[in-house]
Amino acid sequence: MSRIGKQPVEIPANVTVTVGADGNVTVKGPKGELKQTIDRDIKIEVKDGVVNIMRPTDQIRHRAMHGLYRSLISNMVKGVTEGYVKKLELVGVGYKAANQGNLLDLALGYSHNIIFEIPKELKVTTSQEKGQNPMIQFESIDKQLIGQVCAKIRSLRKPEPYKGKGVKFAGEVLRRKAGKAAGK
């Protein structure tokens, strides 16, 4: 039995979870509403403020989906109650970030600025404090979307291992390399 899949998902008092006949799970809460399509083999049962996920057999495919869908539903419940926040840090001389609504303007050391359109489901804020690296903060109820957007922005200028310049997650520890050995 999947160790993650067999754990029930607790539903807070202000959240409603409904399972449609077509295999869609809808989670509504104070911050919004999320939907997820579930494989037809996986059975979802909602009762007494708890969501239970059950699989029909011990096939590898069913075992994999069992834990996956439990995690997805758990992330949806957490998203509509608390939400998710991710921060990116721009490390490098002249690296800047500014936003106007959902357009993010990034200066990452290239010959031109990069204009990145943020999906409307995300809320973005940028900050630049004296003596600190520029920060970009994302807020959303959808964990998958916020992670995907942050990964895409990070891929525009990944942190390099020698000086650590680039776009990195706040608190991310980079593996650093020593430079060339000193001259003779």
Protein backbone atom coordinates (compact mmCIF):
# COMPACT_ATOMS: atom_id res chain seq x y z
CA MET A 1 0.00 0.00 0.00
CA SER A 2 1.25 3.48 -0.79
CA ARG A 3 2.40 5.21 2.35
CA ILE A 4 1.30 8.57 1.01
CA GLY A 5 -1.84 7.40 -0.78
CA LYS A 6 -3.38 5.65 2.22
CA GLN A 7 -3.21 8.76 4.42
CA PRO A 8 -6.53 10.62 4.52
CA VAL A 9 -6.71 14.31 3.59
CA GLU A 10 -8.27 16.42 6.33
CA ILE A 11 -10.76 19.01 5.07
CA PRO A 12 -10.90 22.28 7.07
CA ALA A 13 -14.30 23.67 8.08
CA ASN A 14 -14.36 26.43 5.43
CA VAL A 15 -13.44 24.14 2.49
CA THR A 16 -15.75 22.00 0.35
CA VAL A 17 -14.55 19.07 -1.76
CA THR A 18 -16.87 17.66 -4.44
CA VAL A 19 -16.26 14.71 -6.74
CA GLY A 20 -18.02 14.84 -10.11
CA ALA A 21 -19.26 11.83 -12.06
CA ASP A 22 -16.76 12.58 -14.84
CA GLY A 23 -13.78 12.17 -12.49
CA ASN A 24 -13.26 15.83 -11.65
CA VAL A 25 -12.46 16.89 -8.09
CA THR A 26 -13.37 20.48 -7.19
CA VAL A 27 -12.01 22.14 -4.06
CA LYS A 28 -13.56 25.47 -2.97
CA GLY A 29 -12.21 27.57 -0.14
CA PRO A 30 -11.82 31.13 1.07
CA LYS A 31 -9.03 31.93 -1.42
CA GLY A 32 -10.61 30.42 -4.52
CA GLU A 33 -11.49 27.26 -6.40
CA LEU A 34 -9.30 24.56 -7.97
CA LYS A 35 -10.19 21.61 -10.21
CA GLN A 36 -8.31 18.42 -11.00
CA THR A 37 -9.19 15.54 -13.30
CA ILE A 38 -8.66 12.16 -11.65
CA ASP A 39 -7.99 8.88 -13.48
CA ARG A 40 -11.11 6.73 -13.76
CA ASP A 41 -9.49 3.78 -11.95
CA ILE A 42 -8.84 5.73 -8.75
CA LYS A 43 -11.81 6.02 -6.38
CA ILE A 44 -12.25 9.09 -4.19
CA GLU A 45 -14.52 9.11 -1.18
CA VAL A 46 -15.47 12.24 0.78
CA LYS A 47 -17.16 11.83 4.15
CA ASP A 48 -16.91 13.17 7.72
CA GLY A 49 -14.52 15.96 6.73
CA VAL A 50 -11.95 13.54 5.27
CA VAL A 51 -11.00 12.58 1.71
CA ASN A 52 -9.89 8.98 1.16
CA ILE A 53 -8.20 7.81 -2.04
CA MET A 54 -8.46 4.12 -2.99
CA ARG A 55 -6.89 2.08 -5.80
CA PRO A 56 -8.36 -1.07 -7.35
CA THR A 57 -5.20 -3.22 -7.68
CA ASP A 58 -1.51 -3.33 -6.86
CA GLN A 59 -0.39 -2.68 -10.43
CA ILE A 60 2.57 -0.33 -10.71
CA ARG A 61 0.41 2.21 -12.56
CA HIS A 62 -2.27 2.20 -9.86
CA ARG A 63 0.30 2.42 -7.06
CA ALA A 64 1.94 5.42 -8.72
CA MET A 65 -1.35 7.26 -9.23
CA HIS A 66 -2.53 6.50 -5.69
CA GLY A 67 0.11 8.66 -4.03
CA LEU A 68 0.07 11.24 -6.83
CA TYR A 69 -3.62 12.05 -6.57
CA ARG A 70 -3.51 12.11 -2.78
CA SER A 71 -0.71 14.71 -2.95
CA LEU A 72 -2.52 16.75 -5.61
CA ILE A 73 -5.74 16.88 -3.55
CA SER A 74 -3.79 17.73 -0.39
CA ASN A 75 -2.01 20.57 -2.24
CA MET A 76 -5.35 21.86 -3.53
CA VAL A 77 -6.83 21.93 -0.01
CA LYS A 78 -3.78 23.76 1.35
CA GLY A 79 -3.83 26.16 -1.60
CA VAL A 80 -7.43 27.31 -1.14
CA THR A 81 -6.94 27.79 2.62
CA GLU A 82 -3.42 29.22 3.00
CA GLY A 83 -2.07 29.71 -0.52
CA TYR A 84 1.53 29.36 -1.65
CA VAL A 85 4.36 31.90 -1.76
CA LYS A 86 7.65 31.54 -3.64
CA LYS A 87 10.47 34.06 -3.79
CA LEU A 88 13.18 34.42 -6.40
CA GLU A 89 16.40 36.32 -5.80
CA LEU A 90 18.41 38.01 -8.57
CA VAL A 91 22.14 37.82 -7.79
CA GLY A 92 24.41 39.84 -10.05
CA VAL A 93 25.59 43.35 -10.80
CA GLY A 94 22.89 45.27 -12.67
CA TYR A 95 20.26 42.55 -12.36
CA LYS A 96 16.84 44.17 -11.87
CA ALA A 97 13.18 43.22 -11.83
CA ALA A 98 10.11 45.42 -12.14
CA ASN A 99 6.48 44.60 -12.74
CA GLN A 100 3.52 46.47 -14.16
CA GLY A 101 0.45 44.40 -13.42
CA ASN A 102 1.22 40.92 -14.70
CA LEU A 103 4.13 41.91 -16.94
CA LEU A 104 7.52 41.23 -15.41
CA ASP A 105 10.48 43.23 -16.79
CA LEU A 106 13.79 41.48 -16.07
CA ALA A 107 17.28 42.88 -16.65
CA LEU A 108 19.54 39.81 -16.39
CA GLY A 109 22.76 40.94 -18.04
CA TYR A 110 21.69 40.31 -21.62
CA SER A 111 21.77 43.02 -24.30
CA HIS A 112 18.00 43.49 -23.88
CA ASN A 113 15.45 43.27 -21.09
CA ILE A 114 13.23 40.22 -20.90
CA ILE A 115 9.48 40.87 -20.72
CA PHE A 116 7.74 37.90 -19.12
CA GLU A 117 3.94 37.65 -18.96
CA ILE A 118 2.73 36.16 -15.68
CA PRO A 119 -0.54 34.14 -15.73
CA LYS A 120 -3.49 35.99 -14.22
CA GLU A 121 -3.85 33.34 -11.48
CA LEU A 122 -0.55 34.51 -9.94
CA LYS A 123 0.08 37.69 -7.98
CA VAL A 124 3.59 39.06 -8.47
CA THR A 125 5.46 41.72 -6.49
CA THR A 126 9.03 42.94 -6.92
CA SER A 127 11.21 44.65 -4.35
CA GLN A 128 14.64 46.25 -4.37
CA GLU A 129 16.11 47.30 -1.01
CA LYS A 130 19.42 49.07 -0.68
CA GLY A 131 22.23 46.60 0.01
CA GLN A 132 20.01 43.62 -0.86
CA ASN A 133 19.52 41.63 -4.05
CA PRO A 134 16.32 42.29 -6.03
CA MET A 135 13.49 39.92 -5.05
CA ILE A 136 10.46 38.66 -6.96
CA GLN A 137 7.60 37.24 -4.89
CA PHE A 138 4.81 35.09 -6.33
CA GLU A 139 1.55 34.24 -4.55
CA SER A 140 -1.03 31.73 -5.78
CA ILE A 141 -3.41 28.99 -4.74
CA ASP A 142 -2.09 26.61 -7.43
CA LYS A 143 1.18 24.97 -6.33
CA GLN A 144 1.86 23.43 -9.72
CA LEU A 145 1.45 26.71 -11.63
CA ILE A 146 3.56 28.78 -9.23
CA GLY A 147 6.37 26.21 -9.36
CA GLN A 148 6.27 26.04 -13.15
CA VAL A 149 6.44 29.85 -13.57
CA CYS A 150 9.28 30.16 -11.03
CA ALA A 151 11.24 27.39 -12.76
CA LYS A 152 10.78 29.08 -16.14
CA ILE A 153 12.05 32.43 -14.81
CA ARG A 154 14.98 30.69 -13.09
CA SER A 155 15.88 29.01 -16.40
CA LEU A 156 16.32 32.42 -18.06
CA ARG A 157 19.62 32.82 -16.13
CA LYS A 158 20.49 29.83 -13.95
CA PRO A 159 22.94 30.46 -11.10
CA GLU A 160 26.48 29.68 -12.16
CA PRO A 161 28.73 27.73 -9.76
CA TYR A 162 31.74 30.09 -9.60
CA LYS A 163 30.33 33.44 -8.48
CA GLY A 164 26.73 32.39 -7.86
CA LYS A 165 25.31 34.95 -10.29
CA GLY A 166 21.86 34.31 -11.71
CA VAL A 167 18.24 33.81 -10.66
CA LYS A 168 17.81 31.52 -7.67
CA PHE A 169 15.12 30.63 -5.18
CA ALA A 170 15.34 32.53 -1.89
CA GLY A 171 17.17 30.30 0.57
CA GLU A 172 18.50 27.98 -2.14
CA VAL A 173 21.98 26.72 -1.34
CA LEU A 174 24.20 26.60 -4.40
CA ARG A 175 27.07 24.21 -4.82
CA ARG A 176 30.05 26.43 -5.44
CA LYS A 177 33.26 25.54 -7.27
CA ALA A 178 36.76 26.86 -6.73
CA GLY A 179 38.12 28.93 -9.61
CA LYS A 180 41.36 28.32 -11.41
CA ALA A 181 44.32 27.48 -9.19
CA ALA A 182 46.57 30.43 -8.37
CA GLY A 183 49.47 31.16 -10.76
CA LYS A 184 52.94 29.73 -10.24
